[in-house]
Amino acid sequence: MARIPKLISGLKTLMLLLATGGSSATVSAQPAAVIGETTITYQALEQHVKGQLIRLEQERYEILRAGLYELIGDQLIALAAEAKDQTPEQFLADEVETKAAQPDSAQIQEVYNSNKKHFAKTPIDEAIQEVTEYLVGQSKQRRYREVLAALEEQHAPRVNLRPPVLEVGTGGRPSLGDASAPITLIEFSDYECHYCKTAEPVIREVLETYGDKVHFVYRDYPLDFHANARPASQAAHCAEQQGQFWAYHEKLMASEDLHQEQYQAIADEVGLDRAKFDACLTSEDFSEAIDRDIADGEAVGVSGTPAFFINGRMLSGSQPFARFKELIDEELERIAGE
């Protein structure tokens, strides 16, 4: 148990050295701990917790980014209010409170009907009031975003905060698009993961929208607690062996029931040689490749699925198309300005 406080202390020291400008060579050379004749260097320590440190840095960036956009929003509102000789509160009252669309009775009833179980023990008058307040709040948020978007377009704030960028290899895995495309989108995924399945149509929309600007790479990251994820990855590799990875992948992702008979049924659907496929399915031919994908994912901070990297910028979890668009557009703009 004593090693946990020491490890935390070592991490604090490491982060302090990094934050105060200590060179990586100096940090790496310093001992984090000494046991007898054995020295544990900061280089060894940092390598041991590399994935955690990457996630920590990504979390730090997300916090800074959210805070920065709050401050930008406050400043834009202040400028707009000043131009109208108003306080920010007066400006928001005029532009958001007054102009936000009010829900009509049909909208209120629709939301109430869709959530009757939630309101089972609530008097109907209170339930309707709660639904109304919810819809009004949603409307005000939408109006606030519209106002901010217009002000951002007017003032064009320059954002210098840069995200962490990681070196993420493609691992020679199946891909779509030209490898020389300006955007490389890498996904670490799991065939048994619900959120990975919901991400599929979003990825298709990204590829349809950006065409030859995006090179998409799929990498395996079967989670330990998904018993069928690794066998499913093996099956996909077996399909890849016969040049049918993407056709097989699409049907596998759409399948809710993963087992050997299903893998074989999909193999028949996409026209695989069943004898070769069945022999491959029971082999360990691709175990090393799957392990390599997992190790590469862990090395860049992947801890769950799906995990995406857009030109090395991490995007975790099932995200809406708008979030992919935001990051891809930022990268295209950055590349155009180089």
C-alpha atoms as a PDB file:
ATOM      1  CA  MET A   1       0.000   0.000   0.000  1.00  0.00           C
ATOM      2  CA  ALA A   2       2.942   2.350   0.655  1.00  0.00           C
ATOM      3  CA  ARG A   3       3.823   2.540  -3.044  1.00  0.00           C
ATOM      4  CA  ILE A   4       0.621   4.467  -3.946  1.00  0.00           C
ATOM      5  CA  PRO A   5       1.489   7.704  -2.051  1.00  0.00           C
ATOM      6  CA  LYS A   6       5.042   7.479  -3.408  1.00  0.00           C
ATOM      7  CA  LEU A   7       3.745   7.132  -6.965  1.00  0.00           C
ATOM      8  CA  ILE A   8       1.397  10.093  -6.499  1.00  0.00           C
ATOM      9  CA  SER A   9       4.255  12.125  -5.039  1.00  0.00           C
ATOM     10  CA  GLY A  10       6.417  11.173  -8.001  1.00  0.00           C
ATOM     11  CA  LEU A  11       3.716  12.214 -10.445  1.00  0.00           C
ATOM     12  CA  LYS A  12       3.307  15.562  -8.678  1.00  0.00           C
ATOM     13  CA  THR A  13       7.044  16.148  -8.890  1.00  0.00           C
ATOM     14  CA  LEU A  14       7.050  15.185 -12.558  1.00  0.00           C
ATOM     15  CA  MET A  15       4.170  17.535 -13.369  1.00  0.00           C
ATOM     16  CA  LEU A  16       5.854  20.331 -11.377  1.00  0.00           C
ATOM     17  CA  LEU A  17       9.110  19.886 -13.284  1.00  0.00           C
ATOM     18  CA  LEU A  18       7.262  19.922 -16.589  1.00  0.00           C
ATOM     19  CA  ALA A  19       5.197  22.952 -15.598  1.00  0.00           C
ATOM     20  CA  THR A  20       8.268  24.935 -14.480  1.00  0.00           C
ATOM     21  CA  GLY A  21      10.110  24.366 -17.717  1.00  0.00           C
ATOM     22  CA  GLY A  22      12.497  21.562 -16.821  1.00  0.00           C
ATOM     23  CA  SER A  23      13.845  20.052 -20.027  1.00  0.00           C
ATOM     24  CA  SER A  24      12.646  16.562 -20.915  1.00  0.00           C
ATOM     25  CA  ALA A  25      16.239  15.322 -20.821  1.00  0.00           C
ATOM     26  CA  THR A  26      16.731  16.718 -17.305  1.00  0.00           C
ATOM     27  CA  VAL A  27      13.425  15.306 -16.089  1.00  0.00           C
ATOM     28  CA  SER A  28      14.095  11.911 -17.657  1.00  0.00           C
ATOM     29  CA  ALA A  29      17.512  11.636 -16.034  1.00  0.00           C
ATOM     30  CA  GLN A  30      16.354  12.360 -12.497  1.00  0.00           C
ATOM     31  CA  PRO A  31      15.562   9.457 -10.188  1.00  0.00           C
ATOM     32  CA  ALA A  32      11.923   9.181  -9.151  1.00  0.00           C
ATOM     33  CA  ALA A  33      12.781   6.473  -6.631  1.00  0.00           C
ATOM     34  CA  VAL A  34      15.742   4.364  -5.526  1.00  0.00           C
ATOM     35  CA  ILE A  35      15.384   0.836  -4.171  1.00  0.00           C
ATOM     36  CA  GLY A  36      18.707  -0.597  -3.114  1.00  0.00           C
ATOM     37  CA  GLU A  37      20.914  -0.471  -6.194  1.00  0.00           C
ATOM     38  CA  THR A  38      17.974   0.055  -8.540  1.00  0.00           C
ATOM     39  CA  THR A  39      16.927   3.497  -9.745  1.00  0.00           C
ATOM     40  CA  ILE A  40      13.513   4.227 -11.219  1.00  0.00           C
ATOM     41  CA  THR A  41      13.913   7.240 -13.480  1.00  0.00           C
ATOM     42  CA  TYR A  42      11.253   9.756 -14.379  1.00  0.00           C
ATOM     43  CA  GLN A  43      11.550   8.467 -17.933  1.00  0.00           C
ATOM     44  CA  ALA A  44      10.520   4.999 -16.759  1.00  0.00           C
ATOM     45  CA  LEU A  45       7.773   6.452 -14.582  1.00  0.00           C
ATOM     46  CA  GLU A  46       6.405   8.628 -17.361  1.00  0.00           C
ATOM     47  CA  GLN A  47       6.413   5.698 -19.772  1.00  0.00           C
ATOM     48  CA  HIS A  48       4.626   3.536 -17.187  1.00  0.00           C
ATOM     49  CA  VAL A  49       1.758   6.038 -16.835  1.00  0.00           C
ATOM     50  CA  LYS A  50       1.953   7.530 -20.332  1.00  0.00           C
ATOM     51  CA  GLY A  51      -1.668   6.822 -21.213  1.00  0.00           C
ATOM     52  CA  GLN A  52      -2.928   8.373 -17.971  1.00  0.00           C
ATOM     53  CA  LEU A  53      -0.814  11.496 -18.501  1.00  0.00           C
ATOM     54  CA  ILE A  54      -2.145  11.875 -22.039  1.00  0.00           C
ATOM     55  CA  ARG A  55      -5.731  11.640 -20.760  1.00  0.00           C
ATOM     56  CA  LEU A  56      -4.887  14.165 -18.042  1.00  0.00           C
ATOM     57  CA  GLU A  57      -3.477  16.596 -20.597  1.00  0.00           C
ATOM     58  CA  GLN A  58      -6.535  16.111 -22.815  1.00  0.00           C
ATOM     59  CA  GLU A  59      -8.836  16.752 -19.847  1.00  0.00           C
ATOM     60  CA  ARG A  60      -6.840  19.883 -18.996  1.00  0.00           C
ATOM     61  CA  TYR A  61      -7.234  21.133 -22.561  1.00  0.00           C
ATOM     62  CA  GLU A  62     -10.995  20.490 -22.560  1.00  0.00           C
ATOM     63  CA  ILE A  63     -11.356  22.439 -19.301  1.00  0.00           C
ATOM     64  CA  LEU A  64      -9.265  25.326 -20.647  1.00  0.00           C
ATOM     65  CA  ARG A  65     -11.187  25.303 -23.924  1.00  0.00           C
ATOM     66  CA  ALA A  66     -14.580  25.387 -22.205  1.00  0.00           C
ATOM     67  CA  GLY A  67     -13.408  28.184 -19.923  1.00  0.00           C
ATOM     68  CA  LEU A  68     -11.931  30.160 -22.810  1.00  0.00           C
ATOM     69  CA  TYR A  69     -15.161  30.036 -24.794  1.00  0.00           C
ATOM     70  CA  GLU A  70     -17.090  31.152 -21.715  1.00  0.00           C
ATOM     71  CA  LEU A  71     -14.778  34.176 -21.431  1.00  0.00           C
ATOM     72  CA  ILE A  72     -15.019  34.850 -25.170  1.00  0.00           C
ATOM     73  CA  GLY A  73     -18.805  34.695 -24.920  1.00  0.00           C
ATOM     74  CA  ASP A  74     -18.833  37.100 -21.978  1.00  0.00           C
ATOM     75  CA  GLN A  75     -16.615  39.556 -23.866  1.00  0.00           C
ATOM     76  CA  LEU A  76     -18.695  39.366 -27.040  1.00  0.00           C
ATOM     77  CA  ILE A  77     -21.867  40.024 -25.056  1.00  0.00           C
ATOM     78  CA  ALA A  78     -20.159  42.947 -23.288  1.00  0.00           C
ATOM     79  CA  LEU A  79     -19.108  44.479 -26.633  1.00  0.00           C
ATOM     80  CA  ALA A  80     -22.596  44.069 -28.096  1.00  0.00           C
ATOM     81  CA  ALA A  81     -24.171  45.585 -24.988  1.00  0.00           C
ATOM     82  CA  GLU A  82     -21.760  48.538 -25.041  1.00  0.00           C
ATOM     83  CA  ALA A  83     -22.623  49.229 -28.687  1.00  0.00           C
ATOM     84  CA  LYS A  84     -26.280  49.565 -27.646  1.00  0.00           C
ATOM     85  CA  ASP A  85     -25.465  51.536 -24.494  1.00  0.00           C
ATOM     86  CA  GLN A  86     -26.799  48.675 -22.380  1.00  0.00           C
ATOM     87  CA  THR A  87     -25.526  46.465 -19.610  1.00  0.00           C
ATOM     88  CA  PRO A  88     -24.843  42.838 -20.561  1.00  0.00           C
ATOM     89  CA  GLU A  89     -27.915  41.868 -18.535  1.00  0.00           C
ATOM     90  CA  GLN A  90     -30.111  44.307 -20.467  1.00  0.00           C
ATOM     91  CA  PHE A  91     -28.717  43.083 -23.786  1.00  0.00           C
ATOM     92  CA  LEU A  92     -29.414  39.442 -22.898  1.00  0.00           C
ATOM     93  CA  ALA A  93     -32.917  40.314 -21.732  1.00  0.00           C
ATOM     94  CA  ASP A  94     -33.657  42.010 -25.073  1.00  0.00           C
ATOM     95  CA  GLU A  95     -31.929  39.532 -27.380  1.00  0.00           C
ATOM     96  CA  VAL A  96     -32.462  36.231 -25.574  1.00  0.00           C
ATOM     97  CA  GLU A  97     -35.225  36.417 -22.985  1.00  0.00           C
ATOM     98  CA  THR A  98     -37.605  38.401 -25.204  1.00  0.00           C
ATOM     99  CA  LYS A  99     -36.806  36.788 -28.559  1.00  0.00           C
ATOM    100  CA  ALA A 100     -36.623  33.134 -27.516  1.00  0.00           C
ATOM    101  CA  ALA A 101     -39.488  31.190 -29.071  1.00  0.00           C
ATOM    102  CA  GLN A 102     -42.195  30.129 -26.633  1.00  0.00           C
ATOM    103  CA  PRO A 103     -43.424  26.512 -26.726  1.00  0.00           C
ATOM    104  CA  ASP A 104     -47.005  26.026 -27.837  1.00  0.00           C
ATOM    105  CA  SER A 105     -49.487  23.680 -26.186  1.00  0.00           C
ATOM    106  CA  ALA A 106     -48.912  20.951 -28.789  1.00  0.00           C
ATOM    107  CA  GLN A 107     -45.156  20.876 -28.074  1.00  0.00           C
ATOM    108  CA  ILE A 108     -45.767  20.806 -24.338  1.00  0.00           C
ATOM    109  CA  GLN A 109     -48.271  17.975 -24.662  1.00  0.00           C
ATOM    110  CA  GLU A 110     -45.932  15.980 -26.916  1.00  0.00           C
ATOM    111  CA  VAL A 111     -43.067  16.145 -24.412  1.00  0.00           C
ATOM    112  CA  TYR A 112     -45.402  15.314 -21.549  1.00  0.00           C
ATOM    113  CA  ASN A 113     -46.832  12.301 -23.405  1.00  0.00           C
ATOM    114  CA  SER A 114     -43.321  11.041 -24.182  1.00  0.00           C
ATOM    115  CA  ASN A 115     -42.361  11.211 -20.502  1.00  0.00           C
ATOM    116  CA  LYS A 116     -45.508  10.047 -18.723  1.00  0.00           C
ATOM    117  CA  LYS A 117     -43.612   7.407 -16.746  1.00  0.00           C
ATOM    118  CA  HIS A 118     -41.352  10.105 -15.326  1.00  0.00           C
ATOM    119  CA  PHE A 119     -44.402  12.085 -14.198  1.00  0.00           C
ATOM    120  CA  ALA A 120     -46.376   9.084 -12.902  1.00  0.00           C
ATOM    121  CA  LYS A 121     -46.480  10.440  -9.326  1.00  0.00           C
ATOM    122  CA  THR A 122     -46.605  14.135 -10.230  1.00  0.00           C
ATOM    123  CA  PRO A 123     -49.883  16.103 -10.380  1.00  0.00           C
ATOM    124  CA  ILE A 124     -50.583  16.969 -13.994  1.00  0.00           C
ATOM    125  CA  ASP A 125     -50.491  20.747 -13.398  1.00  0.00           C
ATOM    126  CA  GLU A 126     -47.018  20.478 -11.877  1.00  0.00           C
ATOM    127  CA  ALA A 127     -45.877  18.164 -14.658  1.00  0.00           C
ATOM    128  CA  ILE A 128     -47.076  20.567 -17.360  1.00  0.00           C
ATOM    129  CA  GLN A 129     -45.333  23.430 -15.566  1.00  0.00           C
ATOM    130  CA  GLU A 130     -42.101  21.437 -15.393  1.00  0.00           C
ATOM    131  CA  VAL A 131     -42.278  20.551 -19.084  1.00  0.00           C
ATOM    132  CA  THR A 132     -43.012  24.176 -19.993  1.00  0.00           C
ATOM    133  CA  GLU A 133     -40.031  25.442 -17.996  1.00  0.00           C
ATOM    134  CA  TYR A 134     -37.818  22.826 -19.615  1.00  0.00           C
ATOM    135  CA  LEU A 135     -38.884  23.804 -23.142  1.00  0.00           C
ATOM    136  CA  VAL A 136     -38.510  27.515 -22.381  1.00  0.00           C
ATOM    137  CA  GLY A 137     -35.013  26.857 -21.053  1.00  0.00           C
ATOM    138  CA  GLN A 138     -34.108  24.902 -24.184  1.00  0.00           C
ATOM    139  CA  SER A 139     -35.433  27.713 -26.373  1.00  0.00           C
ATOM    140  CA  LYS A 140     -33.391  30.318 -24.500  1.00  0.00           C
ATOM    141  CA  GLN A 141     -30.251  28.220 -24.861  1.00  0.00           C
ATOM    142  CA  ARG A 142     -30.804  27.923 -28.607  1.00  0.00           C
ATOM    143  CA  ARG A 143     -31.382  31.669 -28.903  1.00  0.00           C
ATOM    144  CA  TYR A 144     -28.261  32.398 -26.822  1.00  0.00           C
ATOM    145  CA  ARG A 145     -26.176  30.179 -29.136  1.00  0.00           C
ATOM    146  CA  GLU A 146     -27.630  31.984 -32.170  1.00  0.00           C
ATOM    147  CA  VAL A 147     -26.695  35.374 -30.697  1.00  0.00           C
ATOM    148  CA  LEU A 148     -23.181  34.204 -29.862  1.00  0.00           C
ATOM    149  CA  ALA A 149     -22.700  32.685 -33.320  1.00  0.00           C
ATOM    150  CA  ALA A 150     -23.652  35.997 -34.933  1.00  0.00           C
ATOM    151  CA  LEU A 151     -21.291  37.922 -32.649  1.00  0.00           C
ATOM    152  CA  GLU A 152     -18.449  35.478 -33.316  1.00  0.00           C
ATOM    153  CA  GLU A 153     -18.940  35.958 -37.052  1.00  0.00           C
ATOM    154  CA  GLN A 154     -18.939  39.731 -36.579  1.00  0.00           C
ATOM    155  CA  HIS A 155     -15.846  39.968 -34.359  1.00  0.00           C
ATOM    156  CA  ALA A 156     -13.940  36.836 -35.507  1.00  0.00           C
ATOM    157  CA  PRO A 157     -12.072  36.139 -32.245  1.00  0.00           C
ATOM    158  CA  ARG A 158      -8.639  34.600 -32.819  1.00  0.00           C
ATOM    159  CA  VAL A 159      -8.160  31.527 -30.632  1.00  0.00           C
ATOM    160  CA  ASN A 160      -4.532  30.627 -29.919  1.00  0.00           C
ATOM    161  CA  LEU A 161      -5.218  27.789 -27.490  1.00  0.00           C
ATOM    162  CA  ARG A 162      -3.915  24.646 -29.168  1.00  0.00           C
ATOM    163  CA  PRO A 163      -5.047  21.104 -28.385  1.00  0.00           C
ATOM    164  CA  PRO A 164      -2.673  18.253 -27.539  1.00  0.00           C
ATOM    165  CA  VAL A 165      -1.593  16.530 -30.756  1.00  0.00           C
ATOM    166  CA  LEU A 166      -0.433  12.915 -30.626  1.00  0.00           C
ATOM    167  CA  GLU A 167       1.478  10.695 -32.990  1.00  0.00           C
ATOM    168  CA  VAL A 168      -1.016   7.936 -33.751  1.00  0.00           C
ATOM    169  CA  GLY A 169       0.009   5.268 -36.229  1.00  0.00           C
ATOM    170  CA  THR A 170      -2.362   3.605 -38.657  1.00  0.00           C
ATOM    171  CA  GLY A 171      -0.864   0.187 -37.941  1.00  0.00           C
ATOM    172  CA  GLY A 172      -1.375  -0.936 -41.527  1.00  0.00           C
ATOM    173  CA  ARG A 173      -5.044  -1.453 -40.738  1.00  0.00           C
ATOM    174  CA  PRO A 174      -7.978  -1.223 -43.186  1.00  0.00           C
ATOM    175  CA  SER A 175      -8.663   2.274 -44.421  1.00  0.00           C
ATOM    176  CA  LEU A 176     -10.897   4.302 -46.710  1.00  0.00           C
ATOM    177  CA  GLY A 177      -9.697   7.247 -48.756  1.00  0.00           C
ATOM    178  CA  ASP A 178      -6.304   8.442 -49.895  1.00  0.00           C
ATOM    179  CA  ALA A 179      -3.495   8.132 -47.344  1.00  0.00           C
ATOM    180  CA  SER A 180      -2.229  11.542 -48.522  1.00  0.00           C
ATOM    181  CA  ALA A 181      -5.526  13.279 -47.626  1.00  0.00           C
ATOM    182  CA  PRO A 182      -5.132  16.353 -45.387  1.00  0.00           C
ATOM    183  CA  ILE A 183      -7.223  14.746 -42.638  1.00  0.00           C
ATOM    184  CA  THR A 184      -6.440  11.364 -41.114  1.00  0.00           C
ATOM    185  CA  LEU A 185      -9.289  10.066 -38.955  1.00  0.00           C
ATOM    186  CA  ILE A 186      -8.389   7.016 -36.862  1.00  0.00           C
ATOM    187  CA  GLU A 187     -10.970   5.120 -34.831  1.00  0.00           C
ATOM    188  CA  PHE A 188     -10.244   2.618 -32.048  1.00  0.00           C
ATOM    189  CA  SER A 189     -13.394   0.556 -31.727  1.00  0.00           C
ATOM    190  CA  ASP A 190     -15.109  -2.527 -30.321  1.00  0.00           C
ATOM    191  CA  TYR A 191     -17.720  -4.577 -32.196  1.00  0.00           C
ATOM    192  CA  GLU A 192     -19.735  -5.234 -29.029  1.00  0.00           C
ATOM    193  CA  CYS A 193     -19.776  -1.586 -27.950  1.00  0.00           C
ATOM    194  CA  HIS A 194     -23.182   0.101 -28.305  1.00  0.00           C
ATOM    195  CA  TYR A 195     -21.666   3.561 -28.692  1.00  0.00           C
ATOM    196  CA  CYS A 196     -19.345   2.296 -31.424  1.00  0.00           C
ATOM    197  CA  LYS A 197     -22.394   1.114 -33.330  1.00  0.00           C
ATOM    198  CA  THR A 198     -24.141   4.481 -32.948  1.00  0.00           C
ATOM    199  CA  ALA A 199     -20.985   6.183 -34.251  1.00  0.00           C
ATOM    200  CA  GLU A 200     -21.120   4.293 -37.565  1.00  0.00           C
ATOM    201  CA  PRO A 201     -23.668   6.543 -39.347  1.00  0.00           C
ATOM    202  CA  VAL A 202     -21.793   9.616 -38.113  1.00  0.00           C
ATOM    203  CA  ILE A 203     -18.545   8.336 -39.630  1.00  0.00           C
ATOM    204  CA  ARG A 204     -20.371   7.651 -42.896  1.00  0.00           C
ATOM    205  CA  GLU A 205     -21.674  11.226 -42.866  1.00  0.00           C
ATOM    206  CA  VAL A 206     -18.152  12.538 -42.285  1.00  0.00           C
ATOM    207  CA  LEU A 207     -16.809  10.541 -45.235  1.00  0.00           C
ATOM    208  CA  GLU A 208     -19.684  11.587 -47.494  1.00  0.00           C
ATOM    209  CA  THR A 209     -19.316  15.247 -46.508  1.00  0.00           C
ATOM    210  CA  TYR A 210     -15.549  15.571 -46.835  1.00  0.00           C
ATOM    211  CA  GLY A 211     -14.864  13.036 -49.585  1.00  0.00           C
ATOM    212  CA  ASP A 212     -11.209  12.909 -50.611  1.00  0.00           C
ATOM    213  CA  LYS A 213     -10.188  15.250 -47.790  1.00  0.00           C
ATOM    214  CA  VAL A 214     -10.411  12.422 -45.219  1.00  0.00           C
ATOM    215  CA  HIS A 215      -8.423   9.208 -44.833  1.00  0.00           C
ATOM    216  CA  PHE A 216     -10.286   6.944 -42.373  1.00  0.00           C
ATOM    217  CA  VAL A 217      -8.529   4.103 -40.544  1.00  0.00           C
ATOM    218  CA  TYR A 218     -10.217   1.469 -38.366  1.00  0.00           C
ATOM    219  CA  ARG A 219      -8.278  -0.085 -35.478  1.00  0.00           C
ATOM    220  CA  ASP A 220      -9.370  -2.728 -32.973  1.00  0.00           C
ATOM    221  CA  TYR A 221      -9.806  -2.011 -29.281  1.00  0.00           C
ATOM    222  CA  PRO A 222     -11.911  -4.890 -27.881  1.00  0.00           C
ATOM    223  CA  LEU A 223     -12.707  -4.175 -24.242  1.00  0.00           C
ATOM    224  CA  ASP A 224     -11.983  -6.881 -21.662  1.00  0.00           C
ATOM    225  CA  PHE A 225     -15.549  -6.942 -20.334  1.00  0.00           C
ATOM    226  CA  HIS A 226     -17.018  -7.527 -23.809  1.00  0.00           C
ATOM    227  CA  ALA A 227     -16.635 -11.286 -24.202  1.00  0.00           C
ATOM    228  CA  ASN A 228     -17.556 -11.302 -27.890  1.00  0.00           C
ATOM    229  CA  ALA A 229     -15.576  -8.257 -28.994  1.00  0.00           C
ATOM    230  CA  ARG A 230     -12.238  -9.971 -29.582  1.00  0.00           C
ATOM    231  CA  PRO A 231     -13.701 -12.948 -31.505  1.00  0.00           C
ATOM    232  CA  ALA A 232     -15.600 -10.428 -33.635  1.00  0.00           C
ATOM    233  CA  SER A 233     -12.354  -8.590 -34.366  1.00  0.00           C
ATOM    234  CA  GLN A 234     -10.794 -11.916 -35.352  1.00  0.00           C
ATOM    235  CA  ALA A 235     -13.694 -12.552 -37.736  1.00  0.00           C
ATOM    236  CA  ALA A 236     -13.234  -9.118 -39.312  1.00  0.00           C
ATOM    237  CA  HIS A 237      -9.533  -9.839 -39.820  1.00  0.00           C
ATOM    238  CA  CYS A 238     -10.469 -13.106 -41.508  1.00  0.00           C
ATOM    239  CA  ALA A 239     -12.746 -11.184 -43.873  1.00  0.00           C
ATOM    240  CA  GLU A 240      -9.932  -8.717 -44.517  1.00  0.00           C
ATOM    241  CA  GLN A 241      -7.734 -11.665 -45.482  1.00  0.00           C
ATOM    242  CA  GLN A 242     -10.154 -12.298 -48.354  1.00  0.00           C
ATOM    243  CA  GLY A 243     -10.391  -8.617 -49.328  1.00  0.00           C
ATOM    244  CA  GLN A 244     -13.869  -8.071 -47.865  1.00  0.00           C
ATOM    245  CA  PHE A 245     -13.166  -6.173 -44.664  1.00  0.00           C
ATOM    246  CA  TRP A 246     -15.510  -3.217 -45.149  1.00  0.00           C
ATOM    247  CA  ALA A 247     -18.514  -5.226 -46.340  1.00  0.00           C
ATOM    248  CA  TYR A 248     -18.047  -7.588 -43.404  1.00  0.00           C
ATOM    249  CA  HIS A 249     -17.352  -4.760 -40.940  1.00  0.00           C
ATOM    250  CA  GLU A 250     -20.578  -2.952 -41.833  1.00  0.00           C
ATOM    251  CA  LYS A 251     -22.735  -6.033 -41.262  1.00  0.00           C
ATOM    252  CA  LEU A 252     -20.852  -6.947 -38.082  1.00  0.00           C
ATOM    253  CA  MET A 253     -21.396  -3.482 -36.625  1.00  0.00           C
ATOM    254  CA  ALA A 254     -25.101  -3.720 -37.477  1.00  0.00           C
ATOM    255  CA  SER A 255     -25.412  -7.075 -35.691  1.00  0.00           C
ATOM    256  CA  GLU A 256     -26.646  -7.130 -32.098  1.00  0.00           C
ATOM    257  CA  ASP A 257     -26.004 -10.851 -31.663  1.00  0.00           C
ATOM    258  CA  LEU A 258     -22.314 -11.775 -31.845  1.00  0.00           C
ATOM    259  CA  HIS A 259     -21.372 -15.463 -31.905  1.00  0.00           C
ATOM    260  CA  GLN A 260     -19.631 -17.912 -34.233  1.00  0.00           C
ATOM    261  CA  GLU A 261     -22.737 -18.841 -36.206  1.00  0.00           C
ATOM    262  CA  GLN A 262     -23.394 -15.156 -36.837  1.00  0.00           C
ATOM    263  CA  TYR A 263     -19.822 -14.591 -38.008  1.00  0.00           C
ATOM    264  CA  GLN A 264     -20.254 -17.480 -40.439  1.00  0.00           C
ATOM    265  CA  ALA A 265     -23.645 -16.230 -41.628  1.00  0.00           C
ATOM    266  CA  ILE A 266     -22.169 -12.811 -42.410  1.00  0.00           C
ATOM    267  CA  ALA A 267     -19.279 -14.512 -44.193  1.00  0.00           C
ATOM    268  CA  ASP A 268     -21.820 -16.206 -46.466  1.00  0.00           C
ATOM    269  CA  GLU A 269     -23.677 -12.929 -47.020  1.00  0.00           C
ATOM    270  CA  VAL A 270     -20.565 -11.133 -48.272  1.00  0.00           C
ATOM    271  CA  GLY A 271     -19.420 -14.092 -50.358  1.00  0.00           C
ATOM    272  CA  LEU A 272     -16.371 -15.311 -48.447  1.00  0.00           C
ATOM    273  CA  ASP A 273     -14.781 -18.704 -49.010  1.00  0.00           C
ATOM    274  CA  ARG A 274     -16.284 -20.483 -46.000  1.00  0.00           C
ATOM    275  CA  ALA A 275     -13.592 -23.149 -45.690  1.00  0.00           C
ATOM    276  CA  LYS A 276     -10.852 -20.520 -45.534  1.00  0.00           C
ATOM    277  CA  PHE A 277     -12.926 -18.304 -43.255  1.00  0.00           C
ATOM    278  CA  ASP A 278     -13.761 -21.108 -40.793  1.00  0.00           C
ATOM    279  CA  ALA A 279     -10.120 -22.188 -40.615  1.00  0.00           C
ATOM    280  CA  CYS A 280      -9.064 -18.599 -39.979  1.00  0.00           C
ATOM    281  CA  LEU A 281     -11.772 -18.072 -37.367  1.00  0.00           C
ATOM    282  CA  THR A 282     -10.441 -20.868 -35.142  1.00  0.00           C
ATOM    283  CA  SER A 283      -6.803 -19.866 -35.569  1.00  0.00           C
ATOM    284  CA  GLU A 284      -4.683 -17.374 -33.643  1.00  0.00           C
ATOM    285  CA  ASP A 285      -3.411 -15.776 -36.856  1.00  0.00           C
ATOM    286  CA  PHE A 286      -4.479 -12.250 -35.966  1.00  0.00           C
ATOM    287  CA  SER A 287      -4.093 -12.300 -32.190  1.00  0.00           C
ATOM    288  CA  GLU A 288      -0.833 -10.372 -32.379  1.00  0.00           C
ATOM    289  CA  ALA A 289      -2.339  -7.736 -34.680  1.00  0.00           C
ATOM    290  CA  ILE A 290      -5.259  -7.177 -32.296  1.00  0.00           C
ATOM    291  CA  ASP A 291      -2.878  -6.954 -29.330  1.00  0.00           C
ATOM    292  CA  ARG A 292      -0.798  -4.398 -31.226  1.00  0.00           C
ATOM    293  CA  ASP A 293      -3.860  -2.239 -31.856  1.00  0.00           C
ATOM    294  CA  ILE A 294      -4.744  -2.375 -28.160  1.00  0.00           C
ATOM    295  CA  ALA A 295      -1.189  -1.496 -27.106  1.00  0.00           C
ATOM    296  CA  ASP A 296      -1.021   1.379 -29.589  1.00  0.00           C
ATOM    297  CA  GLY A 297      -4.351   2.669 -28.315  1.00  0.00           C
ATOM    298  CA  GLU A 298      -3.278   2.514 -24.678  1.00  0.00           C
ATOM    299  CA  ALA A 299      -0.053   4.342 -25.556  1.00  0.00           C
ATOM    300  CA  VAL A 300      -2.026   7.358 -26.790  1.00  0.00           C
ATOM    301  CA  GLY A 301      -4.497   7.447 -23.909  1.00  0.00           C
ATOM    302  CA  VAL A 302      -7.355   5.279 -25.169  1.00  0.00           C
ATOM    303  CA  SER A 303      -9.265   3.768 -22.257  1.00  0.00           C
ATOM    304  CA  GLY A 304     -12.720   3.254 -23.764  1.00  0.00           C
ATOM    305  CA  THR A 305     -14.511   3.072 -27.075  1.00  0.00           C
ATOM    306  CA  PRO A 306     -15.040   4.576 -29.470  1.00  0.00           C
ATOM    307  CA  ALA A 307     -11.946   6.781 -29.457  1.00  0.00           C
ATOM    308  CA  PHE A 308     -11.101   8.945 -32.450  1.00  0.00           C
ATOM    309  CA  PHE A 309      -8.022  10.874 -33.508  1.00  0.00           C
ATOM    310  CA  ILE A 310      -8.346  13.652 -36.072  1.00  0.00           C
ATOM    311  CA  ASN A 311      -4.828  14.476 -37.229  1.00  0.00           C
ATOM    312  CA  GLY A 312      -3.698  13.363 -33.789  1.00  0.00           C
ATOM    313  CA  ARG A 313      -6.368  15.289 -31.868  1.00  0.00           C
ATOM    314  CA  MET A 314      -8.294  13.030 -29.517  1.00  0.00           C
ATOM    315  CA  LEU A 315     -12.074  12.891 -29.583  1.00  0.00           C
ATOM    316  CA  SER A 316     -13.524  10.380 -27.121  1.00  0.00           C
ATOM    317  CA  GLY A 317     -16.904   8.701 -27.140  1.00  0.00           C
ATOM    318  CA  SER A 318     -19.805   8.706 -29.561  1.00  0.00           C
ATOM    319  CA  GLN A 319     -19.985  12.282 -30.822  1.00  0.00           C
ATOM    320  CA  PRO A 320     -22.438  14.128 -33.081  1.00  0.00           C
ATOM    321  CA  PHE A 321     -21.445  15.022 -36.633  1.00  0.00           C
ATOM    322  CA  ALA A 322     -21.174  18.686 -35.596  1.00  0.00           C
ATOM    323  CA  ARG A 323     -18.249  17.902 -33.274  1.00  0.00           C
ATOM    324  CA  PHE A 324     -16.358  16.056 -36.016  1.00  0.00           C
ATOM    325  CA  LYS A 325     -17.086  18.922 -38.396  1.00  0.00           C
ATOM    326  CA  GLU A 326     -15.781  21.453 -35.904  1.00  0.00           C
ATOM    327  CA  LEU A 327     -12.435  19.686 -35.479  1.00  0.00           C
ATOM    328  CA  ILE A 328     -12.020  18.786 -39.160  1.00  0.00           C
ATOM    329  CA  ASP A 329     -12.786  22.351 -40.254  1.00  0.00           C
ATOM    330  CA  GLU A 330     -10.276  23.673 -37.714  1.00  0.00           C
ATOM    331  CA  GLU A 331      -7.622  21.321 -39.079  1.00  0.00           C
ATOM    332  CA  LEU A 332      -8.368  22.232 -42.699  1.00  0.00           C
ATOM    333  CA  GLU A 333      -8.185  25.926 -41.803  1.00  0.00           C
ATOM    334  CA  ARG A 334      -4.883  25.392 -39.976  1.00  0.00           C
ATOM    335  CA  ILE A 335      -3.401  23.478 -42.913  1.00  0.00           C
ATOM    336  CA  ALA A 336      -4.577  26.140 -45.386  1.00  0.00           C
ATOM    337  CA  GLY A 337      -2.825  28.804 -43.310  1.00  0.00           C
ATOM    338  CA  GLU A 338       0.529  27.029 -43.176  1.00  0.00           C
END
